[in-house]
Amino acid sequence: MDARTIRDFTNTFEGHVERQTIIETDDPAYPSGYKYSLHFGTLDGETILRYDNSHEDTKGHERHTSEDVMEIEFPGMLELVERFEEEIAERRS
């Protein structure tokens, strides 16, 4: 199986943490071709918003908040990152 890291960073600011990990992969467990986690939360571990596909082959793509987890349609990696970053910006303003 081939895998290539596209993005992997952590940014902390104002009591919050943002982590983005995106790996392009041909692993059959990730039919989209990506293994990813886009996380925004507090420094003490609370999830405010997270998109991931940790179990894509069984659960699909998910959007997590502190209140809910819901399955989402995967619009493409670029589109999902843009959506995530827009939602963070809205929550910070």
PDB file of N, CA and C in Angstrom:
ATOM      1  N   MET A   1       0.834  -1.186   0.000  1.00  0.00           N
ATOM      2  CA  MET A   1       0.000   0.000   0.000  1.00  0.00           C
ATOM      3  C   MET A   1       0.872   1.240   0.000  1.00  0.00           C
ATOM      4  N   ASP A   2       0.521   2.153  -0.862  1.00  0.00           N
ATOM      5  CA  ASP A   2       1.210   3.436  -0.901  1.00  0.00           C
ATOM      6  C   ASP A   2       0.448   4.452  -0.062  1.00  0.00           C
ATOM      7  N   ALA A   3       1.187   5.342   0.585  1.00  0.00           N
ATOM      8  CA  ALA A   3       0.598   6.433   1.353  1.00  0.00           C
ATOM      9  C   ALA A   3       1.535   7.628   1.269  1.00  0.00           C
ATOM     10  N   ARG A   4       0.935   8.807   1.158  1.00  0.00           N
ATOM     11  CA  ARG A   4       1.713  10.042   1.066  1.00  0.00           C
ATOM     12  C   ARG A   4       1.035  11.094   1.920  1.00  0.00           C
ATOM     13  N   THR A   5       1.789  11.686   2.852  1.00  0.00           N
ATOM     14  CA  THR A   5       1.243  12.731   3.705  1.00  0.00           C
ATOM     15  C   THR A   5       1.082  14.010   2.886  1.00  0.00           C
ATOM     16  N   ILE A   6      -0.144  14.509   2.850  1.00  0.00           N
ATOM     17  CA  ILE A   6      -0.466  15.744   2.143  1.00  0.00           C
ATOM     18  C   ILE A   6      -0.369  16.933   3.096  1.00  0.00           C
ATOM     19  N   ARG A   7      -0.898  16.732   4.312  1.00  0.00           N
ATOM     20  CA  ARG A   7      -0.900  17.811   5.305  1.00  0.00           C
ATOM     21  C   ARG A   7      -0.827  17.178   6.686  1.00  0.00           C
ATOM     22  N   ASP A   8      -0.014  17.758   7.555  1.00  0.00           N
ATOM     23  CA  ASP A   8       0.093  17.277   8.926  1.00  0.00           C
ATOM     24  C   ASP A   8       0.615  18.421   9.788  1.00  0.00           C
ATOM     25  N   PHE A   9      -0.304  19.114  10.464  1.00  0.00           N
ATOM     26  CA  PHE A   9       0.143  20.203  11.328  1.00  0.00           C
ATOM     27  C   PHE A   9      -0.802  20.372  12.507  1.00  0.00           C
ATOM     28  N   THR A  10      -0.255  21.004  13.536  1.00  0.00           N
ATOM     29  CA  THR A  10      -1.013  21.366  14.728  1.00  0.00           C
ATOM     30  C   THR A  10      -0.740  22.832  15.008  1.00  0.00           C
ATOM     31  N   ASN A  11      -1.817  23.563  15.293  1.00  0.00           N
ATOM     32  CA  ASN A  11      -1.718  24.979  15.600  1.00  0.00           C
ATOM     33  C   ASN A  11      -2.499  25.221  16.890  1.00  0.00           C
ATOM     34  N   THR A  12      -1.866  25.855  17.879  1.00  0.00           N
ATOM     35  CA  THR A  12      -2.571  26.209  19.103  1.00  0.00           C
ATOM     36  C   THR A  12      -2.692  27.723  19.191  1.00  0.00           C
ATOM     37  N   PHE A  13      -3.851  28.182  19.690  1.00  0.00           N
ATOM     38  CA  PHE A  13      -4.098  29.613  19.805  1.00  0.00           C
ATOM     39  C   PHE A  13      -5.284  29.845  20.729  1.00  0.00           C
ATOM     40  N   GLU A  14      -5.213  30.862  21.549  1.00  0.00           N
ATOM     41  CA  GLU A  14      -6.323  31.324  22.377  1.00  0.00           C
ATOM     42  C   GLU A  14      -7.066  30.186  23.084  1.00  0.00           C
ATOM     43  N   GLY A  15      -6.340  29.230  23.644  1.00  0.00           N
ATOM     44  CA  GLY A  15      -6.968  28.127  24.359  1.00  0.00           C
ATOM     45  C   GLY A  15      -7.528  27.024  23.482  1.00  0.00           C
ATOM     46  N   HIS A  16      -7.237  27.080  22.196  1.00  0.00           N
ATOM     47  CA  HIS A  16      -7.753  26.100  21.243  1.00  0.00           C
ATOM     48  C   HIS A  16      -6.614  25.392  20.510  1.00  0.00           C
ATOM     49  N   VAL A  17      -6.962  24.275  19.893  1.00  0.00           N
ATOM     50  CA  VAL A  17      -6.010  23.538  19.064  1.00  0.00           C
ATOM     51  C   VAL A  17      -6.694  23.187  17.747  1.00  0.00           C
ATOM     52  N   GLU A  18      -5.958  23.327  16.677  1.00  0.00           N
ATOM     53  CA  GLU A  18      -6.406  22.880  15.361  1.00  0.00           C
ATOM     54  C   GLU A  18      -5.377  21.880  14.856  1.00  0.00           C
ATOM     55  N   ARG A  19      -5.858  20.702  14.448  1.00  0.00           N
ATOM     56  CA  ARG A  19      -4.982  19.683  13.872  1.00  0.00           C
ATOM     57  C   ARG A  19      -5.551  19.261  12.535  1.00  0.00           C
ATOM     58  N   GLN A  20      -4.701  19.219  11.542  1.00  0.00           N
ATOM     59  CA  GLN A  20      -5.110  18.719  10.237  1.00  0.00           C
ATOM     60  C   GLN A  20      -4.122  17.649   9.799  1.00  0.00           C
ATOM     61  N   THR A  21      -4.641  16.458   9.573  1.00  0.00           N
ATOM     62  CA  THR A  21      -3.839  15.359   9.054  1.00  0.00           C
ATOM     63  C   THR A  21      -4.563  14.791   7.844  1.00  0.00           C
ATOM     64  N   ILE A  22      -3.880  14.812   6.711  1.00  0.00           N
ATOM     65  CA  ILE A  22      -4.442  14.281   5.473  1.00  0.00           C
ATOM     66  C   ILE A  22      -3.385  13.399   4.824  1.00  0.00           C
ATOM     67  N   ILE A  23      -3.752  12.156   4.580  1.00  0.00           N
ATOM     68  CA  ILE A  23      -2.845  11.201   3.953  1.00  0.00           C
ATOM     69  C   ILE A  23      -3.530  10.645   2.708  1.00  0.00           C
ATOM     70  N   GLU A  24      -2.866  10.740   1.586  1.00  0.00           N
ATOM     71  CA  GLU A  24      -3.369  10.119   0.359  1.00  0.00           C
ATOM     72  C   GLU A  24      -2.929   8.660   0.397  1.00  0.00           C
ATOM     73  N   THR A  25      -3.878   7.746   0.156  1.00  0.00           N
ATOM     74  CA  THR A  25      -3.571   6.332   0.309  1.00  0.00           C
ATOM     75  C   THR A  25      -4.338   5.474  -0.687  1.00  0.00           C
ATOM     76  N   ASP A  26      -3.770   4.333  -0.995  1.00  0.00           N
ATOM     77  CA  ASP A  26      -4.494   3.365  -1.815  1.00  0.00           C
ATOM     78  C   ASP A  26      -5.000   2.197  -0.958  1.00  0.00           C
ATOM     79  N   ASP A  27      -5.011   2.378   0.358  1.00  0.00           N
ATOM     80  CA  ASP A  27      -5.527   1.377   1.291  1.00  0.00           C
ATOM     81  C   ASP A  27      -7.021   1.167   1.009  1.00  0.00           C
ATOM     82  N   PRO A  28      -7.463  -0.062   0.791  1.00  0.00           N
ATOM     83  CA  PRO A  28      -8.873  -0.322   0.497  1.00  0.00           C
ATOM     84  C   PRO A  28      -9.830   0.078   1.627  1.00  0.00           C
ATOM     85  N   ALA A  29      -9.331   0.292   2.827  1.00  0.00           N
ATOM     86  CA  ALA A  29     -10.171   0.747   3.938  1.00  0.00           C
ATOM     87  C   ALA A  29     -10.612   2.200   3.745  1.00  0.00           C
ATOM     88  N   TYR A  30      -9.978   2.903   2.791  1.00  0.00           N
ATOM     89  CA  TYR A  30     -10.288   4.308   2.518  1.00  0.00           C
ATOM     90  C   TYR A  30     -10.601   4.475   1.039  1.00  0.00           C
ATOM     91  N   PRO A  31     -11.809   4.096   0.623  1.00  0.00           N
ATOM     92  CA  PRO A  31     -12.175   4.154  -0.800  1.00  0.00           C
ATOM     93  C   PRO A  31     -12.080   5.550  -1.419  1.00  0.00           C
ATOM     94  N   SER A  32     -12.139   6.594  -0.595  1.00  0.00           N
ATOM     95  CA  SER A  32     -12.025   7.960  -1.121  1.00  0.00           C
ATOM     96  C   SER A  32     -10.604   8.264  -1.591  1.00  0.00           C
ATOM     97  N   GLY A  33      -9.635   7.452  -1.146  1.00  0.00           N
ATOM     98  CA  GLY A  33      -8.235   7.706  -1.468  1.00  0.00           C
ATOM     99  C   GLY A  33      -7.526   8.559  -0.432  1.00  0.00           C
ATOM    100  N   TYR A  34      -8.249   8.906   0.647  1.00  0.00           N
ATOM    101  CA  TYR A  34      -7.675   9.732   1.709  1.00  0.00           C
ATOM    102  C   TYR A  34      -8.003   9.148   3.071  1.00  0.00           C
ATOM    103  N   LYS A  35      -7.052   9.265   3.985  1.00  0.00           N
ATOM    104  CA  LYS A  35      -7.274   9.034   5.403  1.00  0.00           C
ATOM    105  C   LYS A  35      -7.059  10.403   6.044  1.00  0.00           C
ATOM    106  N   TYR A  36      -8.076  10.915   6.766  1.00  0.00           N
ATOM    107  CA  TYR A  36      -7.948  12.290   7.258  1.00  0.00           C
ATOM    108  C   TYR A  36      -8.617  12.490   8.608  1.00  0.00           C
ATOM    109  N   SER A  37      -8.140  13.506   9.297  1.00  0.00           N
ATOM    110  CA  SER A  37      -8.771  14.016  10.507  1.00  0.00           C
ATOM    111  C   SER A  37      -8.534  15.517  10.522  1.00  0.00           C
ATOM    112  N   LEU A  38      -9.620  16.268  10.573  1.00  0.00           N
ATOM    113  CA  LEU A  38      -9.582  17.731  10.664  1.00  0.00           C
ATOM    114  C   LEU A  38     -10.233  18.077  11.991  1.00  0.00           C
ATOM    115  N   HIS A  39      -9.440  18.502  12.965  1.00  0.00           N
ATOM    116  CA  HIS A  39      -9.914  18.649  14.342  1.00  0.00           C
ATOM    117  C   HIS A  39      -9.740  20.076  14.833  1.00  0.00           C
ATOM    118  N   PHE A  40     -10.780  20.570  15.521  1.00  0.00           N
ATOM    119  CA  PHE A  40     -10.731  21.850  16.216  1.00  0.00           C
ATOM    120  C   PHE A  40     -11.333  21.626  17.593  1.00  0.00           C
ATOM    121  N   GLY A  41     -10.576  21.969  18.635  1.00  0.00           N
ATOM    122  CA  GLY A  41     -11.076  21.744  19.989  1.00  0.00           C
ATOM    123  C   GLY A  41     -10.361  22.625  20.991  1.00  0.00           C
ATOM    124  N   THR A  42     -10.621  22.349  22.252  1.00  0.00           N
ATOM    125  CA  THR A  42      -9.968  23.101  23.315  1.00  0.00           C
ATOM    126  C   THR A  42      -8.673  22.404  23.703  1.00  0.00           C
ATOM    127  N   LEU A  43      -7.793  23.145  24.354  1.00  0.00           N
ATOM    128  CA  LEU A  43      -6.527  22.562  24.790  1.00  0.00           C
ATOM    129  C   LEU A  43      -6.719  21.498  25.869  1.00  0.00           C
ATOM    130  N   ASP A  44      -7.861  21.524  26.564  1.00  0.00           N
ATOM    131  CA  ASP A  44      -8.102  20.495  27.581  1.00  0.00           C
ATOM    132  C   ASP A  44      -8.864  19.288  27.036  1.00  0.00           C
ATOM    133  N   GLY A  45      -8.949  19.146  25.709  1.00  0.00           N
ATOM    134  CA  GLY A  45      -9.425  17.912  25.103  1.00  0.00           C
ATOM    135  C   GLY A  45     -10.847  17.889  24.569  1.00  0.00           C
ATOM    136  N   GLU A  46     -11.608  18.988  24.711  1.00  0.00           N
ATOM    137  CA  GLU A  46     -12.981  18.995  24.201  1.00  0.00           C
ATOM    138  C   GLU A  46     -12.997  19.153  22.680  1.00  0.00           C
ATOM    139  N   THR A  47     -13.752  18.312  22.010  1.00  0.00           N
ATOM    140  CA  THR A  47     -13.939  18.453  20.570  1.00  0.00           C
ATOM    141  C   THR A  47     -15.017  19.499  20.318  1.00  0.00           C
ATOM    142  N   ILE A  48     -14.682  20.507  19.529  1.00  0.00           N
ATOM    143  CA  ILE A  48     -15.667  21.489  19.093  1.00  0.00           C
ATOM    144  C   ILE A  48     -16.173  21.092  17.712  1.00  0.00           C
ATOM    145  N   LEU A  49     -15.240  20.703  16.838  1.00  0.00           N
ATOM    146  CA  LEU A  49     -15.587  20.285  15.485  1.00  0.00           C
ATOM    147  C   LEU A  49     -14.508  19.350  14.965  1.00  0.00           C
ATOM    148  N   ARG A  50     -14.928  18.251  14.367  1.00  0.00           N
ATOM    149  CA  ARG A  50     -13.963  17.350  13.738  1.00  0.00           C
ATOM    150  C   ARG A  50     -14.628  16.652  12.559  1.00  0.00           C
ATOM    151  N   TYR A  51     -13.895  16.589  11.472  1.00  0.00           N
ATOM    152  CA  TYR A  51     -14.268  15.768  10.331  1.00  0.00           C
ATOM    153  C   TYR A  51     -13.242  14.651  10.243  1.00  0.00           C
ATOM    154  N   ASP A  52     -13.713  13.415  10.045  1.00  0.00           N
ATOM    155  CA  ASP A  52     -12.768  12.316   9.875  1.00  0.00           C
ATOM    156  C   ASP A  52     -13.424  11.164   9.131  1.00  0.00           C
ATOM    157  N   ASN A  53     -12.577  10.252   8.723  1.00  0.00           N
ATOM    158  CA  ASN A  53     -13.047   9.017   8.091  1.00  0.00           C
ATOM    159  C   ASN A  53     -12.299   7.828   8.689  1.00  0.00           C
ATOM    160  N   SER A  54     -12.182   7.834   9.999  1.00  0.00           N
ATOM    161  CA  SER A  54     -11.431   6.789  10.701  1.00  0.00           C
ATOM    162  C   SER A  54     -11.902   5.382  10.366  1.00  0.00           C
ATOM    163  N   HIS A  55     -13.189   5.256  10.061  1.00  0.00           N
ATOM    164  CA  HIS A  55     -13.768   3.951   9.735  1.00  0.00           C
ATOM    165  C   HIS A  55     -14.544   4.072   8.421  1.00  0.00           C
ATOM    166  N   GLU A  56     -13.898   4.633   7.421  1.00  0.00           N
ATOM    167  CA  GLU A  56     -14.600   4.923   6.164  1.00  0.00           C
ATOM    168  C   GLU A  56     -15.239   3.690   5.544  1.00  0.00           C
ATOM    169  N   ASP A  57     -14.560   2.577   5.600  1.00  0.00           N
ATOM    170  CA  ASP A  57     -15.096   1.376   4.948  1.00  0.00           C
ATOM    171  C   ASP A  57     -16.336   0.820   5.656  1.00  0.00           C
ATOM    172  N   THR A  58     -16.568   1.214   6.915  1.00  0.00           N
ATOM    173  CA  THR A  58     -17.753   0.732   7.628  1.00  0.00           C
ATOM    174  C   THR A  58     -18.725   1.840   8.028  1.00  0.00           C
ATOM    175  N   LYS A  59     -18.217   3.029   8.366  1.00  0.00           N
ATOM    176  CA  LYS A  59     -19.071   4.127   8.825  1.00  0.00           C
ATOM    177  C   LYS A  59     -19.119   5.305   7.862  1.00  0.00           C
ATOM    178  N   GLY A  60     -18.219   5.369   6.920  1.00  0.00           N
ATOM    179  CA  GLY A  60     -18.186   6.498   5.998  1.00  0.00           C
ATOM    180  C   GLY A  60     -17.431   7.692   6.560  1.00  0.00           C
ATOM    181  N   HIS A  61     -17.835   8.868   6.130  1.00  0.00           N
ATOM    182  CA  HIS A  61     -17.227  10.138   6.542  1.00  0.00           C
ATOM    183  C   HIS A  61     -18.115  10.743   7.623  1.00  0.00           C
ATOM    184  N   GLU A  62     -17.476  11.316   8.656  1.00  0.00           N
ATOM    185  CA  GLU A  62     -18.248  11.816   9.789  1.00  0.00           C
ATOM    186  C   GLU A  62     -17.888  13.250  10.153  1.00  0.00           C
ATOM    187  N   ARG A  63     -18.885  13.937  10.690  1.00  0.00           N
ATOM    188  CA  ARG A  63     -18.730  15.281  11.257  1.00  0.00           C
ATOM    189  C   ARG A  63     -19.085  15.172  12.739  1.00  0.00           C
ATOM    190  N   HIS A  64     -18.124  15.499  13.595  1.00  0.00           N
ATOM    191  CA  HIS A  64     -18.306  15.431  15.044  1.00  0.00           C
ATOM    192  C   HIS A  64     -18.392  16.842  15.602  1.00  0.00           C
ATOM    193  N   THR A  65     -19.294  17.051  16.543  1.00  0.00           N
ATOM    194  CA  THR A  65     -19.304  18.260  17.364  1.00  0.00           C
ATOM    195  C   THR A  65     -19.399  17.797  18.813  1.00  0.00           C
ATOM    196  N   SER A  66     -19.389  18.730  19.743  1.00  0.00           N
ATOM    197  CA  SER A  66     -19.505  18.341  21.146  1.00  0.00           C
ATOM    198  C   SER A  66     -20.869  17.719  21.440  1.00  0.00           C
ATOM    199  N   GLU A  67     -21.854  17.992  20.592  1.00  0.00           N
ATOM    200  CA  GLU A  67     -23.205  17.479  20.814  1.00  0.00           C
ATOM    201  C   GLU A  67     -23.581  16.274  19.961  1.00  0.00           C
ATOM    202  N   ASP A  68     -22.905  16.043  18.821  1.00  0.00           N
ATOM    203  CA  ASP A  68     -23.447  15.118  17.841  1.00  0.00           C
ATOM    204  C   ASP A  68     -22.358  14.526  16.952  1.00  0.00           C
ATOM    205  N   VAL A  69     -22.655  13.379  16.379  1.00  0.00           N
ATOM    206  CA  VAL A  69     -21.842  12.776  15.318  1.00  0.00           C
ATOM    207  C   VAL A  69     -22.805  12.438  14.198  1.00  0.00           C
ATOM    208  N   MET A  70     -22.475  12.896  12.986  1.00  0.00           N
ATOM    209  CA  MET A  70     -23.348  12.576  11.863  1.00  0.00           C
ATOM    210  C   MET A  70     -22.535  12.173  10.651  1.00  0.00           C
ATOM    211  N   GLU A  71     -23.077  11.250   9.891  1.00  0.00           N
ATOM    212  CA  GLU A  71     -22.439  10.841   8.649  1.00  0.00           C
ATOM    213  C   GLU A  71     -22.673  11.931   7.611  1.00  0.00           C
ATOM    214  N   ILE A  72     -21.642  12.220   6.806  1.00  0.00           N
ATOM    215  CA  ILE A  72     -21.746  13.254   5.778  1.00  0.00           C
ATOM    216  C   ILE A  72     -21.357  12.670   4.425  1.00  0.00           C
ATOM    217  N   GLU A  73     -21.781  13.345   3.386  1.00  0.00           N
ATOM    218  CA  GLU A  73     -21.303  13.041   2.041  1.00  0.00           C
ATOM    219  C   GLU A  73     -19.904  13.632   1.910  1.00  0.00           C
ATOM    220  N   PHE A  74     -19.013  12.938   1.259  1.00  0.00           N
ATOM    221  CA  PHE A  74     -17.650  13.427   1.046  1.00  0.00           C
ATOM    222  C   PHE A  74     -17.622  14.218  -0.256  1.00  0.00           C
ATOM    223  N   PRO A  75     -17.422  15.553  -0.169  1.00  0.00           N
ATOM    224  CA  PRO A  75     -17.458  16.388  -1.371  1.00  0.00           C
ATOM    225  C   PRO A  75     -16.140  16.416  -2.148  1.00  0.00           C
ATOM    226  N   GLY A  76     -15.089  15.853  -1.575  1.00  0.00           N
ATOM    227  CA  GLY A  76     -13.731  15.943  -2.100  1.00  0.00           C
ATOM    228  C   GLY A  76     -12.870  16.564  -1.018  1.00  0.00           C
ATOM    229  N   MET A  77     -11.578  16.270  -1.045  1.00  0.00           N
ATOM    230  CA  MET A  77     -10.705  16.708   0.046  1.00  0.00           C
ATOM    231  C   MET A  77     -10.587  18.223   0.122  1.00  0.00           C
ATOM    232  N   LEU A  78     -10.348  18.883  -0.994  1.00  0.00           N
ATOM    233  CA  LEU A  78     -10.208  20.342  -0.987  1.00  0.00           C
ATOM    234  C   LEU A  78     -11.474  21.005  -0.473  1.00  0.00           C
ATOM    235  N   GLU A  79     -12.618  20.558  -0.954  1.00  0.00           N
ATOM    236  CA  GLU A  79     -13.886  21.142  -0.535  1.00  0.00           C
ATOM    237  C   GLU A  79     -14.131  20.932   0.957  1.00  0.00           C
ATOM    238  N   LEU A  80     -13.766  19.758   1.470  1.00  0.00           N
ATOM    239  CA  LEU A  80     -13.970  19.483   2.887  1.00  0.00           C
ATOM    240  C   LEU A  80     -13.061  20.352   3.761  1.00  0.00           C
ATOM    241  N   VAL A  81     -11.820  20.518   3.351  1.00  0.00           N
ATOM    242  CA  VAL A  81     -10.906  21.383   4.112  1.00  0.00           C
ATOM    243  C   VAL A  81     -11.434  22.817   4.120  1.00  0.00           C
ATOM    244  N   GLU A  82     -11.908  23.294   2.987  1.00  0.00           N
ATOM    245  CA  GLU A  82     -12.468  24.648   2.931  1.00  0.00           C
ATOM    246  C   GLU A  82     -13.669  24.787   3.854  1.00  0.00           C
ATOM    247  N   ARG A  83     -14.560  23.794   3.840  1.00  0.00           N
ATOM    248  CA  ARG A  83     -15.744  23.812   4.718  1.00  0.00           C
ATOM    249  C   ARG A  83     -15.317  23.848   6.188  1.00  0.00           C
ATOM    250  N   PHE A  84     -14.359  22.997   6.549  1.00  0.00           N
ATOM    251  CA  PHE A  84     -13.837  22.948   7.919  1.00  0.00           C
ATOM    252  C   PHE A  84     -13.270  24.300   8.337  1.00  0.00           C
ATOM    253  N   GLU A  85     -12.429  24.884   7.499  1.00  0.00           N
ATOM    254  CA  GLU A  85     -11.795  26.161   7.849  1.00  0.00           C
ATOM    255  C   GLU A  85     -12.822  27.288   7.940  1.00  0.00           C
ATOM    256  N   GLU A  86     -13.847  27.266   7.102  1.00  0.00           N
ATOM    257  CA  GLU A  86     -14.920  28.269   7.195  1.00  0.00           C
ATOM    258  C   GLU A  86     -15.683  28.119   8.502  1.00  0.00           C
ATOM    259  N   GLU A  87     -15.973  26.885   8.890  1.00  0.00           N
ATOM    260  CA  GLU A  87     -16.695  26.657  10.151  1.00  0.00           C
ATOM    261  C   GLU A  87     -15.874  27.104  11.353  1.00  0.00           C
ATOM    262  N   ILE A  88     -14.573  26.875  11.320  1.00  0.00           N
ATOM    263  CA  ILE A  88     -13.710  27.347  12.420  1.00  0.00           C
ATOM    264  C   ILE A  88     -13.741  28.870  12.479  1.00  0.00           C
ATOM    265  N   ALA A  89     -13.607  29.504  11.336  1.00  0.00           N
ATOM    266  CA  ALA A  89     -13.620  30.970  11.295  1.00  0.00           C
ATOM    267  C   ALA A  89     -14.924  31.516  11.869  1.00  0.00           C
ATOM    268  N   GLU A  90     -16.048  30.900  11.546  1.00  0.00           N
ATOM    269  CA  GLU A  90     -17.350  31.333  12.073  1.00  0.00           C
ATOM    270  C   GLU A  90     -17.392  31.180  13.592  1.00  0.00           C
ATOM    271  N   ARG A  91     -16.861  30.092  14.104  1.00  0.00           N
ATOM    272  CA  ARG A  91     -16.896  29.842  15.546  1.00  0.00           C
ATOM    273  C   ARG A  91     -15.957  30.774  16.307  1.00  0.00           C
ATOM    274  N   ARG A  92     -14.916  31.242  15.652  1.00  0.00           N
ATOM    275  CA  ARG A  92     -13.944  32.127  16.308  1.00  0.00           C
ATOM    276  C   ARG A  92     -14.383  33.576  16.292  1.00  0.00           C
ATOM    277  N   SER A  93     -15.335  33.935  15.431  1.00  0.00           N
ATOM    278  CA  SER A  93     -15.729  35.360  15.332  1.00  0.00           C
ATOM    279  C   SER A  93     -16.857  35.713  16.258  1.00  0.00           C
TER     280      SER A  93
END
